[in-house]
PDB file of N, CA and C in Angstrom:
ATOM      1  N   MET A   1       4.198  -7.889  19.314  1.00  0.00           N
ATOM      2  CA  MET A   1       5.561  -7.751  18.820  1.00  0.00           C
ATOM      3  C   MET A   1       6.307  -6.839  19.793  1.00  0.00           C
ATOM      4  N   ASP A   2       7.414  -7.325  20.306  1.00  0.00           N
ATOM      5  CA  ASP A   2       8.193  -6.512  21.238  1.00  0.00           C
ATOM      6  C   ASP A   2       9.205  -5.649  20.483  1.00  0.00           C
ATOM      7  N   GLU A   3       9.894  -4.785  21.206  1.00  0.00           N
ATOM      8  CA  GLU A   3      10.848  -3.837  20.605  1.00  0.00           C
ATOM      9  C   GLU A   3      11.957  -4.555  19.843  1.00  0.00           C
ATOM     10  N   GLY A   4      12.498  -5.617  20.424  1.00  0.00           N
ATOM     11  CA  GLY A   4      13.583  -6.357  19.778  1.00  0.00           C
ATOM     12  C   GLY A   4      13.162  -6.977  18.460  1.00  0.00           C
ATOM     13  N   GLU A   5      11.993  -7.590  18.449  1.00  0.00           N
ATOM     14  CA  GLU A   5      11.491  -8.203  17.225  1.00  0.00           C
ATOM     15  C   GLU A   5      11.228  -7.151  16.151  1.00  0.00           C
ATOM     16  N   PHE A   6      10.704  -6.003  16.569  1.00  0.00           N
ATOM     17  CA  PHE A   6      10.455  -4.911  15.638  1.00  0.00           C
ATOM     18  C   PHE A   6      11.764  -4.422  15.017  1.00  0.00           C
ATOM     19  N   ARG A   7      12.799  -4.247  15.839  1.00  0.00           N
ATOM     20  CA  ARG A   7      14.114  -3.804  15.334  1.00  0.00           C
ATOM     21  C   ARG A   7      14.688  -4.818  14.344  1.00  0.00           C
ATOM     22  N   ARG A   8      14.561  -6.111  14.653  1.00  0.00           N
ATOM     23  CA  ARG A   8      15.072  -7.146  13.742  1.00  0.00           C
ATOM     24  C   ARG A   8      14.348  -7.097  12.397  1.00  0.00           C
ATOM     25  N   MET A   9      13.045  -6.852  12.432  1.00  0.00           N
ATOM     26  CA  MET A   9      12.284  -6.748  11.186  1.00  0.00           C
ATOM     27  C   MET A   9      12.734  -5.534  10.374  1.00  0.00           C
ATOM     28  N   LEU A  10      12.976  -4.416  11.047  1.00  0.00           N
ATOM     29  CA  LEU A  10      13.432  -3.208  10.348  1.00  0.00           C
ATOM     30  C   LEU A  10      14.791  -3.404   9.704  1.00  0.00           C
ATOM     31  N   GLU A  11      15.679  -4.131  10.361  1.00  0.00           N
ATOM     32  CA  GLU A  11      17.034  -4.337   9.840  1.00  0.00           C
ATOM     33  C   GLU A  11      17.044  -5.177   8.571  1.00  0.00           C
ATOM     34  N   ARG A  12      15.989  -5.914   8.309  1.00  0.00           N
ATOM     35  CA  ARG A  12      15.921  -6.755   7.116  1.00  0.00           C
ATOM     36  C   ARG A  12      15.701  -5.952   5.842  1.00  0.00           C
ATOM     37  N   PHE A  13      15.213  -4.724   5.971  1.00  0.00           N
ATOM     38  CA  PHE A  13      14.890  -3.913   4.801  1.00  0.00           C
ATOM     39  C   PHE A  13      15.722  -2.638   4.798  1.00  0.00           C
ATOM     40  N   PRO A  14      16.432  -2.355   3.702  1.00  0.00           N
ATOM     41  CA  PRO A  14      17.244  -1.131   3.652  1.00  0.00           C
ATOM     42  C   PRO A  14      16.370   0.115   3.539  1.00  0.00           C
ATOM     43  N   VAL A  15      16.873   1.195   4.073  1.00  0.00           N
ATOM     44  CA  VAL A  15      16.170   2.471   3.998  1.00  0.00           C
ATOM     45  C   VAL A  15      16.708   3.232   2.797  1.00  0.00           C
ATOM     46  N   VAL A  16      15.830   3.643   1.895  1.00  0.00           N
ATOM     47  CA  VAL A  16      16.234   4.388   0.710  1.00  0.00           C
ATOM     48  C   VAL A  16      15.560   5.754   0.774  1.00  0.00           C
ATOM     49  N   ARG A  17      16.385   6.786   0.736  1.00  0.00           N
ATOM     50  CA  ARG A  17      15.861   8.152   0.787  1.00  0.00           C
ATOM     51  C   ARG A  17      16.549   8.977  -0.284  1.00  0.00           C
ATOM     52  N   LYS A  18      15.861  10.010  -0.753  1.00  0.00           N
ATOM     53  CA  LYS A  18      16.485  10.892  -1.726  1.00  0.00           C
ATOM     54  C   LYS A  18      17.485  11.809  -1.026  1.00  0.00           C
ATOM     55  N   LYS A  19      18.365  12.441  -1.820  1.00  0.00           N
ATOM     56  CA  LYS A  19      19.424  13.280  -1.251  1.00  0.00           C
ATOM     57  C   LYS A  19      18.888  14.465  -0.471  1.00  0.00           C
ATOM     58  N   THR A  20      17.678  14.886  -0.740  1.00  0.00           N
ATOM     59  CA  THR A  20      17.124  16.070  -0.084  1.00  0.00           C
ATOM     60  C   THR A  20      16.363  15.725   1.189  1.00  0.00           C
ATOM     61  N   TYR A  21      16.487  14.486   1.663  1.00  0.00           N
ATOM     62  CA  TYR A  21      15.804  14.064   2.879  1.00  0.00           C
ATOM     63  C   TYR A  21      16.253  14.937   4.046  1.00  0.00           C
ATOM     64  N   ALA A  22      15.309  15.418   4.817  1.00  0.00           N
ATOM     65  CA  ALA A  22      15.621  16.255   5.977  1.00  0.00           C
ATOM     66  C   ALA A  22      15.338  15.464   7.245  1.00  0.00           C
ATOM     67  N   ARG A  23      16.351  15.317   8.078  1.00  0.00           N
ATOM     68  CA  ARG A  23      16.186  14.594   9.332  1.00  0.00           C
ATOM     69  C   ARG A  23      15.795  15.579  10.424  1.00  0.00           C
ATOM     70  N   VAL A  24      14.727  15.288  11.119  1.00  0.00           N
ATOM     71  CA  VAL A  24      14.226  16.158  12.175  1.00  0.00           C
ATOM     72  C   VAL A  24      14.236  15.369  13.476  1.00  0.00           C
ATOM     73  N   GLU A  25      14.731  15.967  14.542  1.00  0.00           N
ATOM     74  CA  GLU A  25      14.711  15.293  15.832  1.00  0.00           C
ATOM     75  C   GLU A  25      13.275  15.046  16.249  1.00  0.00           C
ATOM     76  N   TRP A  26      13.002  13.869  16.779  1.00  0.00           N
ATOM     77  CA  TRP A  26      11.641  13.497  17.109  1.00  0.00           C
ATOM     78  C   TRP A  26      11.026  14.426  18.143  1.00  0.00           C
ATOM     79  N   ASN A  27      11.746  14.743  19.202  1.00  0.00           N
ATOM     80  CA  ASN A  27      11.180  15.551  20.280  1.00  0.00           C
ATOM     81  C   ASN A  27      10.864  16.972  19.839  1.00  0.00           C
ATOM     82  N   SER A  28      11.628  17.514  18.929  1.00  0.00           N
ATOM     83  CA  SER A  28      11.411  18.898  18.524  1.00  0.00           C
ATOM     84  C   SER A  28      10.501  19.017  17.300  1.00  0.00           C
ATOM     85  N   MET A  29      10.079  17.899  16.762  1.00  0.00           N
ATOM     86  CA  MET A  29       9.299  17.939  15.537  1.00  0.00           C
ATOM     87  C   MET A  29       7.951  18.628  15.744  1.00  0.00           C
ATOM     88  N   TYR A  30       7.388  18.506  16.925  1.00  0.00           N
ATOM     89  CA  TYR A  30       6.068  19.065  17.169  1.00  0.00           C
ATOM     90  C   TYR A  30       6.102  20.310  18.042  1.00  0.00           C
ATOM     91  N   ASP A  31       7.276  20.873  18.265  1.00  0.00           N
ATOM     92  CA  ASP A  31       7.386  22.082  19.077  1.00  0.00           C
ATOM     93  C   ASP A  31       6.691  23.248  18.397  1.00  0.00           C
ATOM     94  N   LYS A  32       6.132  24.127  19.200  1.00  0.00           N
ATOM     95  CA  LYS A  32       5.506  25.345  18.673  1.00  0.00           C
ATOM     96  C   LYS A  32       6.569  26.320  18.192  1.00  0.00           C
ATOM     97  N   ASP A  33       7.691  26.358  18.903  1.00  0.00           N
ATOM     98  CA  ASP A  33       8.776  27.278  18.573  1.00  0.00           C
ATOM     99  C   ASP A  33       9.641  26.655  17.483  1.00  0.00           C
ATOM    100  N   GLU A  34       9.594  27.224  16.279  1.00  0.00           N
ATOM    101  CA  GLU A  34      10.331  26.660  15.151  1.00  0.00           C
ATOM    102  C   GLU A  34      11.838  26.821  15.297  1.00  0.00           C
ATOM    103  N   SER A  35      12.288  27.746  16.139  1.00  0.00           N
ATOM    104  CA  SER A  35      13.723  27.952  16.302  1.00  0.00           C
ATOM    105  C   SER A  35      14.381  26.772  17.010  1.00  0.00           C
ATOM    106  N   LYS A  36      13.607  25.962  17.726  1.00  0.00           N
ATOM    107  CA  LYS A  36      14.152  24.806  18.427  1.00  0.00           C
ATOM    108  C   LYS A  36      14.331  23.612  17.502  1.00  0.00           C
ATOM    109  N   SER A  37      13.678  23.631  16.375  1.00  0.00           N
ATOM    110  CA  SER A  37      13.743  22.510  15.449  1.00  0.00           C
ATOM    111  C   SER A  37      15.134  22.412  14.839  1.00  0.00           C
ATOM    112  N   THR A  38      15.691  21.207  14.853  1.00  0.00           N
ATOM    113  CA  THR A  38      17.009  21.004  14.251  1.00  0.00           C
ATOM    114  C   THR A  38      16.835  20.180  12.991  1.00  0.00           C
ATOM    115  N   ILE A  39      16.891  20.838  11.880  1.00  0.00           N
ATOM    116  CA  ILE A  39      16.708  20.181  10.592  1.00  0.00           C
ATOM    117  C   ILE A  39      18.050  20.120   9.879  1.00  0.00           C
ATOM    118  N   THR A  40      18.406  18.939   9.402  1.00  0.00           N
ATOM    119  CA  THR A  40      19.621  18.760   8.635  1.00  0.00           C
ATOM    120  C   THR A  40      19.220  18.390   7.221  1.00  0.00           C
ATOM    121  N   SER A  41      19.545  19.246   6.271  1.00  0.00           N
ATOM    122  CA  SER A  41      19.166  19.002   4.889  1.00  0.00           C
ATOM    123  C   SER A  41      20.326  19.378   3.987  1.00  0.00           C
ATOM    124  N   LEU A  42      20.498  18.651   2.902  1.00  0.00           N
ATOM    125  CA  LEU A  42      21.583  18.960   1.976  1.00  0.00           C
ATOM    126  C   LEU A  42      21.305  20.243   1.213  1.00  0.00           C
ATOM    127  N   HIS A  43      20.097  20.435   0.773  1.00  0.00           N
ATOM    128  CA  HIS A  43      19.686  21.677   0.132  1.00  0.00           C
ATOM    129  C   HIS A  43      18.170  21.710   0.081  1.00  0.00           C
ATOM    130  N   GLU A  44      17.617  22.861  -0.184  1.00  0.00           N
ATOM    131  CA  GLU A  44      16.164  22.996  -0.240  1.00  0.00           C
ATOM    132  C   GLU A  44      15.616  22.234  -1.441  1.00  0.00           C
ATOM    133  N   ASP A  45      14.456  21.658  -1.275  1.00  0.00           N
ATOM    134  CA  ASP A  45      13.830  20.897  -2.351  1.00  0.00           C
ATOM    135  C   ASP A  45      13.097  21.859  -3.278  1.00  0.00           C
ATOM    136  N   THR A  46      13.799  22.329  -4.314  1.00  0.00           N
ATOM    137  CA  THR A  46      13.220  23.308  -5.227  1.00  0.00           C
ATOM    138  C   THR A  46      12.988  22.729  -6.611  1.00  0.00           C
ATOM    139  N   GLN A  47      13.076  21.405  -6.732  1.00  0.00           N
ATOM    140  CA  GLN A  47      12.974  20.799  -8.054  1.00  0.00           C
ATOM    141  C   GLN A  47      11.624  21.047  -8.706  1.00  0.00           C
ATOM    142  N   VAL A  48      10.547  21.006  -7.956  1.00  0.00           N
ATOM    143  CA  VAL A  48       9.222  21.171  -8.545  1.00  0.00           C
ATOM    144  C   VAL A  48       9.049  22.588  -9.059  1.00  0.00           C
ATOM    145  N   SER A  49       9.480  23.567  -8.280  1.00  0.00           N
ATOM    146  CA  SER A  49       9.309  24.952  -8.697  1.00  0.00           C
ATOM    147  C   SER A  49      10.296  25.352  -9.795  1.00  0.00           C
ATOM    148  N   SER A  50      11.423  24.640  -9.910  1.00  0.00           N
ATOM    149  CA  SER A  50      12.413  25.025 -10.910  1.00  0.00           C
ATOM    150  C   SER A  50      12.086  24.481 -12.303  1.00  0.00           C
ATOM    151  N   ILE A  51      11.241  23.468 -12.405  1.00  0.00           N
ATOM    152  CA  ILE A  51      10.859  22.918 -13.703  1.00  0.00           C
ATOM    153  C   ILE A  51       9.709  23.751 -14.260  1.00  0.00           C
ATOM    154  N   ARG A  52       9.940  24.256 -15.467  1.00  0.00           N
ATOM    155  CA  ARG A  52       8.928  25.107 -16.111  1.00  0.00           C
ATOM    156  C   ARG A  52       8.310  24.384 -17.292  1.00  0.00           C
ATOM    157  N   GLU A  53       7.157  24.835 -17.691  1.00  0.00           N
ATOM    158  CA  GLU A  53       6.472  24.250 -18.832  1.00  0.00           C
ATOM    159  C   GLU A  53       7.267  24.435 -20.116  1.00  0.00           C
ATOM    160  N   SER A  54       8.039  25.508 -20.194  1.00  0.00           N
ATOM    161  CA  SER A  54       8.802  25.807 -21.403  1.00  0.00           C
ATOM    162  C   SER A  54      10.119  25.033 -21.483  1.00  0.00           C
ATOM    163  N   ASP A  55      10.502  24.313 -20.424  1.00  0.00           N
ATOM    164  CA  ASP A  55      11.745  23.538 -20.433  1.00  0.00           C
ATOM    165  C   ASP A  55      11.639  22.373 -21.408  1.00  0.00           C
ATOM    166  N   SER A  56      12.763  22.062 -22.035  1.00  0.00           N
ATOM    167  CA  SER A  56      12.789  20.884 -22.898  1.00  0.00           C
ATOM    168  C   SER A  56      12.722  19.641 -22.012  1.00  0.00           C
ATOM    169  N   LEU A  57      12.427  18.504 -22.626  1.00  0.00           N
ATOM    170  CA  LEU A  57      12.335  17.262 -21.867  1.00  0.00           C
ATOM    171  C   LEU A  57      13.666  16.954 -21.187  1.00  0.00           C
ATOM    172  N   ARG A  58      14.768  17.157 -21.909  1.00  0.00           N
ATOM    173  CA  ARG A  58      16.091  16.878 -21.344  1.00  0.00           C
ATOM    174  C   ARG A  58      16.372  17.770 -20.139  1.00  0.00           C
ATOM    175  N   ASP A  59      16.052  19.069 -20.247  1.00  0.00           N
ATOM    176  CA  ASP A  59      16.288  19.992 -19.131  1.00  0.00           C
ATOM    177  C   ASP A  59      15.418  19.646 -17.927  1.00  0.00           C
ATOM    178  N   ALA A  60      14.143  19.372 -18.177  1.00  0.00           N
ATOM    179  CA  ALA A  60      13.226  19.041 -17.087  1.00  0.00           C
ATOM    180  C   ALA A  60      13.640  17.743 -16.399  1.00  0.00           C
ATOM    181  N   MET A  61      14.042  16.764 -17.203  1.00  0.00           N
ATOM    182  CA  MET A  61      14.480  15.500 -16.638  1.00  0.00           C
ATOM    183  C   MET A  61      15.748  15.692 -15.815  1.00  0.00           C
ATOM    184  N   GLY A  62      16.664  16.518 -16.309  1.00  0.00           N
ATOM    185  CA  GLY A  62      17.893  16.804 -15.570  1.00  0.00           C
ATOM    186  C   GLY A  62      17.611  17.479 -14.240  1.00  0.00           C
ATOM    187  N   LYS A  63      16.692  18.431 -14.237  1.00  0.00           N
ATOM    188  CA  LYS A  63      16.338  19.116 -12.986  1.00  0.00           C
ATOM    189  C   LYS A  63      15.690  18.156 -11.992  1.00  0.00           C
ATOM    190  N   PHE A  64      14.843  17.276 -12.498  1.00  0.00           N
ATOM    191  CA  PHE A  64      14.178  16.316 -11.620  1.00  0.00           C
ATOM    192  C   PHE A  64      15.177  15.319 -11.044  1.00  0.00           C
ATOM    193  N   LEU A  65      16.039  14.778 -11.904  1.00  0.00           N
ATOM    194  CA  LEU A  65      16.989  13.755 -11.465  1.00  0.00           C
ATOM    195  C   LEU A  65      18.071  14.319 -10.556  1.00  0.00           C
ATOM    196  N   ASP A  66      18.318  15.618 -10.632  1.00  0.00           N
ATOM    197  CA  ASP A  66      19.364  16.252  -9.836  1.00  0.00           C
ATOM    198  C   ASP A  66      19.178  16.020  -8.338  1.00  0.00           C
ATOM    199  N   ALA A  67      17.948  15.949  -7.891  1.00  0.00           N
ATOM    200  CA  ALA A  67      17.677  15.752  -6.466  1.00  0.00           C
ATOM    201  C   ALA A  67      17.947  14.321  -6.021  1.00  0.00           C
ATOM    202  N   TYR A  68      18.030  13.397  -6.963  1.00  0.00           N
ATOM    203  CA  TYR A  68      18.136  11.989  -6.605  1.00  0.00           C
ATOM    204  C   TYR A  68      19.469  11.337  -6.974  1.00  0.00           C
ATOM    205  N   PHE A  69      20.175  11.867  -7.981  1.00  0.00           N
ATOM    206  CA  PHE A  69      21.362  11.204  -8.493  1.00  0.00           C
ATOM    207  C   PHE A  69      22.532  12.173  -8.615  1.00  0.00           C
ATOM    208  N   SER A  70      23.736  11.602  -8.714  1.00  0.00           N
ATOM    209  CA  SER A  70      24.926  12.424  -8.937  1.00  0.00           C
ATOM    210  C   SER A  70      24.967  12.857 -10.404  1.00  0.00           C
ATOM    211  N   ALA A  71      25.860  13.798 -10.719  1.00  0.00           N
ATOM    212  CA  ALA A  71      25.958  14.317 -12.089  1.00  0.00           C
ATOM    213  C   ALA A  71      26.336  13.216 -13.083  1.00  0.00           C
ATOM    214  N   GLN A  72      27.246  12.330 -12.680  1.00  0.00           N
ATOM    215  CA  GLN A  72      27.650  11.234 -13.565  1.00  0.00           C
ATOM    216  C   GLN A  72      26.488  10.285 -13.836  1.00  0.00           C
ATOM    217  N   GLU A  73      25.721   9.980 -12.797  1.00  0.00           N
ATOM    218  CA  GLU A  73      24.581   9.085 -12.973  1.00  0.00           C
ATOM    219  C   GLU A  73      23.512   9.722 -13.854  1.00  0.00           C
ATOM    220  N   ILE A  74      23.322  11.021 -13.719  1.00  0.00           N
ATOM    221  CA  ILE A  74      22.340  11.726 -14.545  1.00  0.00           C
ATOM    222  C   ILE A  74      22.732  11.643 -16.011  1.00  0.00           C
ATOM    223  N   MET A  75      24.016  11.834 -16.304  1.00  0.00           N
ATOM    224  CA  MET A  75      24.480  11.744 -17.693  1.00  0.00           C
ATOM    225  C   MET A  75      24.229  10.347 -18.257  1.00  0.00           C
ATOM    226  N   LYS A  76      24.498   9.302 -17.466  1.00  0.00           N
ATOM    227  CA  LYS A  76      24.254   7.931 -17.915  1.00  0.00           C
ATOM    228  C   LYS A  76      22.771   7.703 -18.193  1.00  0.00           C
ATOM    229  N   ILE A  77      21.928   8.181 -17.289  1.00  0.00           N
ATOM    230  CA  ILE A  77      20.481   8.009 -17.453  1.00  0.00           C
ATOM    231  C   ILE A  77      19.998   8.732 -18.701  1.00  0.00           C
ATOM    232  N   GLN A  78      20.484   9.960 -18.911  1.00  0.00           N
ATOM    233  CA  GLN A  78      20.059  10.724 -20.086  1.00  0.00           C
ATOM    234  C   GLN A  78      20.533  10.059 -21.374  1.00  0.00           C
ATOM    235  N   ARG A  79      21.762   9.526 -21.386  1.00  0.00           N
ATOM    236  CA  ARG A  79      22.255   8.832 -22.581  1.00  0.00           C
ATOM    237  C   ARG A  79      21.405   7.599 -22.883  1.00  0.00           C
ATOM    238  N   GLU A  80      21.093   6.818 -21.854  1.00  0.00           N
ATOM    239  CA  GLU A  80      20.255   5.633 -22.048  1.00  0.00           C
ATOM    240  C   GLU A  80      18.857   6.020 -22.525  1.00  0.00           C
ATOM    241  N   PHE A  81      18.332   7.097 -21.985  1.00  0.00           N
ATOM    242  CA  PHE A  81      17.005   7.565 -22.390  1.00  0.00           C
ATOM    243  C   PHE A  81      17.013   7.981 -23.860  1.00  0.00           C
ATOM    244  N   GLU A  82      18.070   8.681 -24.282  1.00  0.00           N
ATOM    245  CA  GLU A  82      18.162   9.129 -25.674  1.00  0.00           C
ATOM    246  C   GLU A  82      18.338   7.957 -26.636  1.00  0.00           C
ATOM    247  N   LYS A  83      19.001   6.886 -26.188  1.00  0.00           N
ATOM    248  CA  LYS A  83      19.154   5.702 -27.030  1.00  0.00           C
ATOM    249  C   LYS A  83      17.799   5.067 -27.330  1.00  0.00           C
ATOM    250  N   LYS A  84      16.928   5.086 -26.354  1.00  0.00           N
ATOM    251  CA  LYS A  84      15.627   4.420 -26.488  1.00  0.00           C
ATOM    252  C   LYS A  84      14.600   5.277 -27.209  1.00  0.00           C
ATOM    253  N   THR A  85      14.866   6.577 -27.355  1.00  0.00           N
ATOM    254  CA  THR A  85      13.890   7.438 -28.028  1.00  0.00           C
ATOM    255  C   THR A  85      14.293   7.734 -29.444  1.00  0.00           C
TER     256      THR A  85
END
């Protein structure tokens, strides 16, 4: 498979990433000096550490979904979830 064929295959499938995806330049990804690394991130991924055992299901679900969806989408998801429970 040559480069062109590989690119055509990649274009057939959309790339889906969460909002907290961090893009790292390929050349600097393996550098020993961390100051050279250029990381672009919307915010730190703190969802796992922010969810506590004492949180209600609604709060925990809201914290988890926050990294993936907008506030309006989260409200819709929570309303649909409450309808089914």
